[in-house]
Amino acid sequence: MRLALPGKVILITGHEACQLDDLSQTGACVTVGGDPPPLGDDVVLMVQGVEAFGTVVWRRGGSFGVAFDALLPKDDVIRLRAVHDHFQTLEQEQNRRRAREFVQGRRVF
């Protein structure tokens, strides 16, 4: 399921902000600002209160795939989808408000 949710990935070397791009019960696609962790590294993915332990199974650019150690509960997948939909709605509302303020001369970019 395609998403765009902010999260955190915990690595052996520390933690860093990430974006959850895709999610299933068995794994996820994650994007980070720098280089992704090496193949085979263990990671913990934390997004909106959901924690998933897994292993890096592929890397491409700033993105990487995580195969989860255990199936992610279906309820967690559904809940993250609902959070994603809510984030999209909030972002659209914020963009409209900013554009309206800009047109009215109340906001400078």
C-alpha atoms as a PDB file:
ATOM      1  CA  MET A   1       0.000   0.000   0.000  1.00  0.00           C
ATOM      2  CA  ARG A   2       1.500   3.324  -1.077  1.00  0.00           C
ATOM      3  CA  LEU A   3       1.943   5.871   1.686  1.00  0.00           C
ATOM      4  CA  ALA A   4       3.898   8.993   2.531  1.00  0.00           C
ATOM      5  CA  LEU A   5       4.228   9.081   6.306  1.00  0.00           C
ATOM      6  CA  PRO A   6       7.011  10.532   8.430  1.00  0.00           C
ATOM      7  CA  GLY A   7       8.720   8.146  10.794  1.00  0.00           C
ATOM      8  CA  LYS A   8      11.985   7.110  12.346  1.00  0.00           C
ATOM      9  CA  VAL A   9      14.301   4.243  11.556  1.00  0.00           C
ATOM     10  CA  ILE A  10      16.578   2.943  14.287  1.00  0.00           C
ATOM     11  CA  LEU A  11      19.880   1.597  13.006  1.00  0.00           C
ATOM     12  CA  ILE A  12      22.925   0.037  14.620  1.00  0.00           C
ATOM     13  CA  THR A  13      24.651   3.423  14.292  1.00  0.00           C
ATOM     14  CA  GLY A  14      21.779   5.508  15.694  1.00  0.00           C
ATOM     15  CA  HIS A  15      18.466   6.727  14.340  1.00  0.00           C
ATOM     16  CA  GLU A  16      17.287   9.011  11.593  1.00  0.00           C
ATOM     17  CA  ALA A  17      14.115  10.519  10.236  1.00  0.00           C
ATOM     18  CA  CYS A  18      12.534   8.672   7.350  1.00  0.00           C
ATOM     19  CA  GLN A  19       9.474   8.513   5.158  1.00  0.00           C
ATOM     20  CA  LEU A  20       7.408   5.363   4.880  1.00  0.00           C
ATOM     21  CA  ASP A  21       6.631   5.051   1.155  1.00  0.00           C
ATOM     22  CA  ASP A  22       5.036   1.625   0.944  1.00  0.00           C
ATOM     23  CA  LEU A  23       3.788  -0.885   3.486  1.00  0.00           C
ATOM     24  CA  SER A  24       2.491  -4.436   3.680  1.00  0.00           C
ATOM     25  CA  GLN A  25       2.254  -7.001   6.438  1.00  0.00           C
ATOM     26  CA  THR A  26       5.606  -8.456   5.346  1.00  0.00           C
ATOM     27  CA  GLY A  27       7.711  -5.365   4.701  1.00  0.00           C
ATOM     28  CA  ALA A  28       8.122  -1.730   3.785  1.00  0.00           C
ATOM     29  CA  CYS A  29       9.837   0.707   1.466  1.00  0.00           C
ATOM     30  CA  VAL A  30      11.541   3.511   3.377  1.00  0.00           C
ATOM     31  CA  THR A  31      13.311   6.682   2.214  1.00  0.00           C
ATOM     32  CA  VAL A  32      15.999   8.496   4.209  1.00  0.00           C
ATOM     33  CA  GLY A  33      17.857  11.746   3.555  1.00  0.00           C
ATOM     34  CA  GLY A  34      21.276  10.144   3.166  1.00  0.00           C
ATOM     35  CA  ASP A  35      22.616   6.739   2.283  1.00  0.00           C
ATOM     36  CA  PRO A  36      20.406   3.813   3.234  1.00  0.00           C
ATOM     37  CA  PRO A  37      21.739   1.219   5.675  1.00  0.00           C
ATOM     38  CA  PRO A  38      23.785  -1.693   4.296  1.00  0.00           C
ATOM     39  CA  LEU A  39      22.117  -4.864   3.056  1.00  0.00           C
ATOM     40  CA  GLY A  40      21.494  -7.297   5.876  1.00  0.00           C
ATOM     41  CA  ASP A  41      21.427  -4.670   8.636  1.00  0.00           C
ATOM     42  CA  ASP A  42      18.762  -5.045  11.289  1.00  0.00           C
ATOM     43  CA  VAL A  43      16.489  -2.021  11.711  1.00  0.00           C
ATOM     44  CA  VAL A  44      13.488  -0.937  13.718  1.00  0.00           C
ATOM     45  CA  LEU A  45      10.903   1.105  11.845  1.00  0.00           C
ATOM     46  CA  MET A  46       8.765   3.434  13.978  1.00  0.00           C
ATOM     47  CA  VAL A  47       5.778   5.174  12.398  1.00  0.00           C
ATOM     48  CA  GLN A  48       2.815   6.653  14.271  1.00  0.00           C
ATOM     49  CA  GLY A  49       3.221   4.355  17.265  1.00  0.00           C
ATOM     50  CA  VAL A  50       3.795   1.210  15.196  1.00  0.00           C
ATOM     51  CA  GLU A  51       7.148  -0.546  15.644  1.00  0.00           C
ATOM     52  CA  ALA A  52       8.382  -3.177  13.221  1.00  0.00           C
ATOM     53  CA  PHE A  53      11.662  -5.085  13.434  1.00  0.00           C
ATOM     54  CA  GLY A  54      13.238  -6.182  10.180  1.00  0.00           C
ATOM     55  CA  THR A  55      16.218  -6.578   7.887  1.00  0.00           C
ATOM     56  CA  VAL A  56      17.349  -4.417   4.953  1.00  0.00           C
ATOM     57  CA  VAL A  57      16.849  -6.530   1.819  1.00  0.00           C
ATOM     58  CA  TRP A  58      17.429  -4.003  -0.993  1.00  0.00           C
ATOM     59  CA  ARG A  59      18.765  -0.463  -1.563  1.00  0.00           C
ATOM     60  CA  ARG A  60      18.165   2.018  -4.371  1.00  0.00           C
ATOM     61  CA  GLY A  61      19.193   5.673  -4.148  1.00  0.00           C
ATOM     62  CA  GLY A  62      17.989   6.976  -0.797  1.00  0.00           C
ATOM     63  CA  SER A  63      15.400   4.219  -0.443  1.00  0.00           C
ATOM     64  CA  PHE A  64      15.584   0.728   0.982  1.00  0.00           C
ATOM     65  CA  GLY A  65      13.369  -2.269   1.556  1.00  0.00           C
ATOM     66  CA  VAL A  66      12.754  -3.865   4.924  1.00  0.00           C
ATOM     67  CA  ALA A  67      11.547  -7.446   5.334  1.00  0.00           C
ATOM     68  CA  PHE A  68       9.804  -7.668   8.705  1.00  0.00           C
ATOM     69  CA  ASP A  69      10.822 -10.370  11.186  1.00  0.00           C
ATOM     70  CA  ALA A  70       7.145 -11.063  11.943  1.00  0.00           C
ATOM     71  CA  LEU A  71       3.942 -10.209  10.093  1.00  0.00           C
ATOM     72  CA  LEU A  72       2.706  -6.728  10.865  1.00  0.00           C
ATOM     73  CA  PRO A  73      -0.842  -7.011  12.228  1.00  0.00           C
ATOM     74  CA  LYS A  74      -3.461  -6.169   9.604  1.00  0.00           C
ATOM     75  CA  ASP A  75      -5.029  -3.654  12.014  1.00  0.00           C
ATOM     76  CA  ASP A  76      -1.745  -1.688  12.085  1.00  0.00           C
ATOM     77  CA  VAL A  77      -1.606  -1.598   8.280  1.00  0.00           C
ATOM     78  CA  ILE A  78      -5.205  -0.357   8.107  1.00  0.00           C
ATOM     79  CA  ARG A  79      -4.608   2.250  10.827  1.00  0.00           C
ATOM     80  CA  LEU A  80      -1.522   3.627   9.061  1.00  0.00           C
ATOM     81  CA  ARG A  81      -3.558   3.921   5.862  1.00  0.00           C
ATOM     82  CA  ALA A  82      -6.154   5.968   7.751  1.00  0.00           C
ATOM     83  CA  VAL A  83      -3.408   8.179   9.211  1.00  0.00           C
ATOM     84  CA  HIS A  84      -1.981   8.672   5.705  1.00  0.00           C
ATOM     85  CA  ASP A  85      -5.380   9.717   4.349  1.00  0.00           C
ATOM     86  CA  HIS A  86      -5.785  12.176   7.236  1.00  0.00           C
ATOM     87  CA  PHE A  87      -2.271  13.612   6.604  1.00  0.00           C
ATOM     88  CA  GLN A  88      -3.118  14.155   2.932  1.00  0.00           C
ATOM     89  CA  THR A  89      -6.299  16.025   3.822  1.00  0.00           C
ATOM     90  CA  LEU A  90      -4.472  18.202   6.371  1.00  0.00           C
ATOM     91  CA  GLU A  91      -1.702  18.977   3.887  1.00  0.00           C
ATOM     92  CA  GLN A  92      -4.216  19.998   1.206  1.00  0.00           C
ATOM     93  CA  GLU A  93      -6.022  22.261   3.671  1.00  0.00           C
ATOM     94  CA  GLN A  94      -2.736  23.870   4.770  1.00  0.00           C
ATOM     95  CA  ASN A  95      -1.692  24.458   1.151  1.00  0.00           C
ATOM     96  CA  ARG A  96      -5.048  26.094   0.347  1.00  0.00           C
ATOM     97  CA  ARG A  97      -4.791  28.321   3.436  1.00  0.00           C
ATOM     98  CA  ARG A  98      -1.218  29.354   2.546  1.00  0.00           C
ATOM     99  CA  ALA A  99      -2.208  30.125  -1.049  1.00  0.00           C
ATOM    100  CA  ARG A 100      -5.206  32.178   0.114  1.00  0.00           C
ATOM    101  CA  GLU A 101      -2.989  34.133   2.559  1.00  0.00           C
ATOM    102  CA  PHE A 102      -0.423  34.729  -0.203  1.00  0.00           C
ATOM    103  CA  VAL A 103      -3.059  36.032  -2.636  1.00  0.00           C
ATOM    104  CA  GLN A 104      -4.460  38.292   0.089  1.00  0.00           C
ATOM    105  CA  GLY A 105      -0.961  39.649   0.792  1.00  0.00           C
ATOM    106  CA  ARG A 106      -0.826  38.226   4.305  1.00  0.00           C
ATOM    107  CA  ARG A 107       1.915  35.685   3.591  1.00  0.00           C
ATOM    108  CA  VAL A 108       5.309  36.029   1.914  1.00  0.00           C
ATOM    109  CA  PHE A 109       7.211  32.956   0.727  1.00  0.00           C
END
